[in-house]
Amino acid sequence: MTNLEKYTQAFVESFEVSEDEAKNLKYQDIKAWDSVGHMGLVANIEDAFDIMMETEDIIDLSSFEKGKEILEKNYEIDFSK
């Protein structure tokens, strides 16, 4: 499984959406992505990549794309493979 697939799966499992829907999500776009859902998403991402995200990064994770940027920049996760 690629890093992008693992990342997308975290959204799919957290919010019970399709892969296509996941890729366009922004915080509070759907009812499930509230503050509680956000923490569940963070836990799924941390489990998928065996990392512990910094508080600032958790707060900044405001969309599918922004999350990828944070993980690439701050946790050296490569989504190009």
N, C-alpha and C. Protein backbone atom coordinates (compact mmCIF):
# COMPACT_ATOMS: atom_id res chain seq x y z
N MET A 1 0.85 -1.18 0.00
CA MET A 1 0.00 0.00 0.00
C MET A 1 0.90 1.25 0.00
N THR A 2 0.61 2.18 -0.90
CA THR A 2 1.40 3.41 -0.98
C THR A 2 1.04 4.35 0.18
N ASN A 3 1.88 5.34 0.39
CA ASN A 3 1.59 6.33 1.44
C ASN A 3 0.30 7.09 1.14
N LEU A 4 0.06 7.40 -0.13
CA LEU A 4 -1.17 8.10 -0.50
C LEU A 4 -2.39 7.22 -0.21
N GLU A 5 -2.28 5.94 -0.49
CA GLU A 5 -3.38 5.02 -0.20
C GLU A 5 -3.63 4.93 1.31
N LYS A 6 -2.57 4.86 2.10
CA LYS A 6 -2.72 4.82 3.56
C LYS A 6 -3.38 6.09 4.07
N TYR A 7 -2.92 7.23 3.55
CA TYR A 7 -3.46 8.53 3.96
C TYR A 7 -4.94 8.64 3.59
N THR A 8 -5.26 8.28 2.36
CA THR A 8 -6.65 8.33 1.91
C THR A 8 -7.52 7.40 2.74
N GLN A 9 -7.01 6.22 3.05
CA GLN A 9 -7.75 5.25 3.85
C GLN A 9 -8.08 5.81 5.24
N ALA A 10 -7.19 6.61 5.80
CA ALA A 10 -7.45 7.23 7.11
C ALA A 10 -8.70 8.11 7.04
N PHE A 11 -8.86 8.85 5.95
CA PHE A 11 -10.05 9.69 5.76
C PHE A 11 -11.30 8.84 5.53
N VAL A 12 -11.15 7.83 4.67
CA VAL A 12 -12.29 6.94 4.36
C VAL A 12 -12.82 6.29 5.63
N GLU A 13 -11.91 5.76 6.45
CA GLU A 13 -12.33 5.09 7.69
C GLU A 13 -12.86 6.06 8.72
N SER A 14 -12.26 7.24 8.82
CA SER A 14 -12.67 8.21 9.83
C SER A 14 -14.05 8.78 9.55
N PHE A 15 -14.33 9.05 8.28
CA PHE A 15 -15.57 9.77 7.94
C PHE A 15 -16.57 8.96 7.12
N GLU A 16 -16.24 7.70 6.84
CA GLU A 16 -17.13 6.82 6.07
C GLU A 16 -17.54 7.47 4.75
N VAL A 17 -16.52 7.90 3.99
CA VAL A 17 -16.73 8.50 2.68
C VAL A 17 -15.97 7.69 1.64
N SER A 18 -16.25 7.95 0.37
CA SER A 18 -15.51 7.27 -0.70
C SER A 18 -14.13 7.90 -0.84
N GLU A 19 -13.25 7.22 -1.55
CA GLU A 19 -11.91 7.76 -1.78
C GLU A 19 -11.98 9.08 -2.54
N ASP A 20 -12.88 9.17 -3.52
CA ASP A 20 -13.03 10.41 -4.29
C ASP A 20 -13.52 11.55 -3.40
N GLU A 21 -14.49 11.27 -2.53
CA GLU A 21 -14.98 12.31 -1.61
C GLU A 21 -13.87 12.75 -0.66
N ALA A 22 -13.10 11.80 -0.17
CA ALA A 22 -12.04 12.10 0.79
C ALA A 22 -11.06 13.12 0.23
N LYS A 23 -10.72 13.00 -1.03
CA LYS A 23 -9.68 13.83 -1.63
C LYS A 23 -10.09 15.30 -1.77
N ASN A 24 -11.37 15.61 -1.61
CA ASN A 24 -11.85 16.99 -1.71
C ASN A 24 -12.29 17.57 -0.37
N LEU A 25 -12.13 16.81 0.70
CA LEU A 25 -12.67 17.24 1.99
C LEU A 25 -11.88 18.39 2.61
N LYS A 26 -12.67 19.26 3.28
CA LYS A 26 -12.12 20.32 4.11
C LYS A 26 -12.81 20.23 5.47
N TYR A 27 -12.12 20.71 6.50
CA TYR A 27 -12.65 20.66 7.86
C TYR A 27 -14.07 21.23 7.90
N GLN A 28 -14.96 20.49 8.49
CA GLN A 28 -16.37 20.82 8.69
C GLN A 28 -17.19 20.86 7.39
N ASP A 29 -16.63 20.32 6.30
CA ASP A 29 -17.41 20.17 5.06
C ASP A 29 -18.55 19.18 5.26
N ILE A 30 -18.29 18.18 6.08
CA ILE A 30 -19.30 17.17 6.37
C ILE A 30 -19.49 17.11 7.88
N LYS A 31 -20.64 16.65 8.28
CA LYS A 31 -20.97 16.61 9.71
C LYS A 31 -19.96 15.78 10.51
N ALA A 32 -19.47 14.71 9.93
CA ALA A 32 -18.55 13.82 10.65
C ALA A 32 -17.21 14.49 10.97
N TRP A 33 -16.81 15.51 10.18
CA TRP A 33 -15.53 16.16 10.44
C TRP A 33 -15.74 17.36 11.35
N ASP A 34 -16.10 17.06 12.58
CA ASP A 34 -16.18 18.06 13.64
C ASP A 34 -14.95 17.88 14.52
N SER A 35 -14.93 18.49 15.69
CA SER A 35 -13.73 18.41 16.53
C SER A 35 -13.44 16.98 16.97
N VAL A 36 -14.47 16.21 17.26
CA VAL A 36 -14.28 14.81 17.67
C VAL A 36 -13.80 13.98 16.48
N GLY A 37 -14.43 14.17 15.34
CA GLY A 37 -14.02 13.46 14.13
C GLY A 37 -12.59 13.81 13.73
N HIS A 38 -12.22 15.05 13.98
CA HIS A 38 -10.86 15.50 13.66
C HIS A 38 -9.83 14.71 14.46
N MET A 39 -10.09 14.51 15.73
CA MET A 39 -9.15 13.77 16.57
C MET A 39 -9.09 12.30 16.16
N GLY A 40 -10.22 11.75 15.73
CA GLY A 40 -10.21 10.38 15.22
C GLY A 40 -9.38 10.27 13.95
N LEU A 41 -9.49 11.27 13.08
CA LEU A 41 -8.70 11.30 11.86
C LEU A 41 -7.21 11.36 12.20
N VAL A 42 -6.85 12.24 13.12
CA VAL A 42 -5.45 12.38 13.53
C VAL A 42 -4.93 11.05 14.06
N ALA A 43 -5.72 10.38 14.89
CA ALA A 43 -5.30 9.08 15.44
C ALA A 43 -5.09 8.07 14.32
N ASN A 44 -5.97 8.06 13.33
CA ASN A 44 -5.82 7.12 12.20
C ASN A 44 -4.57 7.44 11.38
N ILE A 45 -4.29 8.73 11.16
CA ILE A 45 -3.09 9.12 10.42
C ILE A 45 -1.84 8.73 11.20
N GLU A 46 -1.85 9.01 12.50
CA GLU A 46 -0.69 8.66 13.33
C GLU A 46 -0.45 7.16 13.33
N ASP A 47 -1.51 6.37 13.41
CA ASP A 47 -1.36 4.91 13.36
C ASP A 47 -0.84 4.44 12.00
N ALA A 48 -1.36 5.02 10.94
CA ALA A 48 -0.98 4.59 9.59
C ALA A 48 0.51 4.83 9.32
N PHE A 49 1.05 5.91 9.87
CA PHE A 49 2.43 6.27 9.58
C PHE A 49 3.37 6.13 10.78
N ASP A 50 2.84 5.62 11.88
CA ASP A 50 3.64 5.42 13.09
C ASP A 50 4.37 6.71 13.50
N ILE A 51 3.58 7.79 13.62
CA ILE A 51 4.11 9.09 14.01
C ILE A 51 3.27 9.66 15.15
N MET A 52 3.77 10.69 15.79
CA MET A 52 3.01 11.49 16.76
C MET A 52 3.04 12.92 16.23
N MET A 53 1.87 13.42 15.85
CA MET A 53 1.80 14.76 15.28
C MET A 53 1.89 15.82 16.37
N GLU A 54 2.54 16.92 16.05
CA GLU A 54 2.64 18.06 16.94
C GLU A 54 1.29 18.78 17.00
N THR A 55 0.99 19.40 18.13
CA THR A 55 -0.28 20.09 18.32
C THR A 55 -0.55 21.11 17.22
N GLU A 56 0.45 21.88 16.86
CA GLU A 56 0.29 22.90 15.81
C GLU A 56 -0.12 22.27 14.48
N ASP A 57 0.46 21.11 14.17
CA ASP A 57 0.12 20.42 12.92
C ASP A 57 -1.30 19.87 12.97
N ILE A 58 -1.72 19.41 14.12
CA ILE A 58 -3.09 18.90 14.28
C ILE A 58 -4.09 20.03 14.03
N ILE A 59 -3.79 21.19 14.57
CA ILE A 59 -4.67 22.35 14.39
C ILE A 59 -4.68 22.80 12.93
N ASP A 60 -3.51 22.77 12.28
CA ASP A 60 -3.40 23.23 10.90
C ASP A 60 -3.99 22.26 9.88
N LEU A 61 -4.25 21.03 10.26
CA LEU A 61 -4.78 20.02 9.34
C LEU A 61 -6.24 20.39 9.03
N SER A 62 -6.43 21.18 7.99
CA SER A 62 -7.75 21.72 7.69
C SER A 62 -8.38 21.17 6.42
N SER A 63 -7.64 20.34 5.71
CA SER A 63 -8.19 19.72 4.50
C SER A 63 -7.33 18.52 4.13
N PHE A 64 -7.82 17.73 3.21
CA PHE A 64 -7.07 16.57 2.73
C PHE A 64 -5.72 17.02 2.19
N GLU A 65 -5.74 18.05 1.34
CA GLU A 65 -4.50 18.53 0.72
C GLU A 65 -3.55 19.15 1.74
N LYS A 66 -4.07 19.93 2.69
CA LYS A 66 -3.23 20.55 3.71
C LYS A 66 -2.56 19.47 4.57
N GLY A 67 -3.27 18.41 4.86
CA GLY A 67 -2.70 17.31 5.63
C GLY A 67 -1.53 16.67 4.91
N LYS A 68 -1.66 16.49 3.60
CA LYS A 68 -0.54 15.94 2.82
C LYS A 68 0.67 16.86 2.91
N GLU A 69 0.45 18.16 2.78
CA GLU A 69 1.55 19.13 2.86
C GLU A 69 2.26 19.03 4.21
N ILE A 70 1.48 18.97 5.28
CA ILE A 70 2.04 18.90 6.64
C ILE A 70 2.87 17.63 6.79
N LEU A 71 2.33 16.51 6.35
CA LEU A 71 3.04 15.23 6.50
C LEU A 71 4.32 15.19 5.67
N GLU A 72 4.28 15.75 4.48
CA GLU A 72 5.47 15.78 3.63
C GLU A 72 6.55 16.67 4.24
N LYS A 73 6.16 17.85 4.67
CA LYS A 73 7.12 18.84 5.16
C LYS A 73 7.66 18.50 6.54
N ASN A 74 6.79 18.13 7.47
CA ASN A 74 7.19 18.00 8.87
C ASN A 74 7.50 16.57 9.31
N TYR A 75 7.06 15.57 8.53
CA TYR A 75 7.25 14.18 8.95
C TYR A 75 7.93 13.34 7.86
N GLU A 76 8.38 14.01 6.80
CA GLU A 76 9.13 13.38 5.72
C GLU A 76 8.42 12.17 5.11
N ILE A 77 7.11 12.29 4.95
CA ILE A 77 6.33 11.24 4.32
C ILE A 77 6.20 11.57 2.83
N ASP A 78 6.62 10.64 2.01
CA ASP A 78 6.68 10.84 0.56
C ASP A 78 5.41 10.30 -0.09
N PHE A 79 4.66 11.19 -0.72
CA PHE A 79 3.43 10.77 -1.40
C PHE A 79 3.62 10.57 -2.90
N SER A 80 4.83 10.72 -3.38
CA SER A 80 5.07 10.59 -4.82
C SER A 80 5.22 9.15 -5.28
N LYS A 81 5.37 8.23 -4.34
CA LYS A 81 5.57 6.82 -4.70
C LYS A 81 4.26 6.08 -4.78
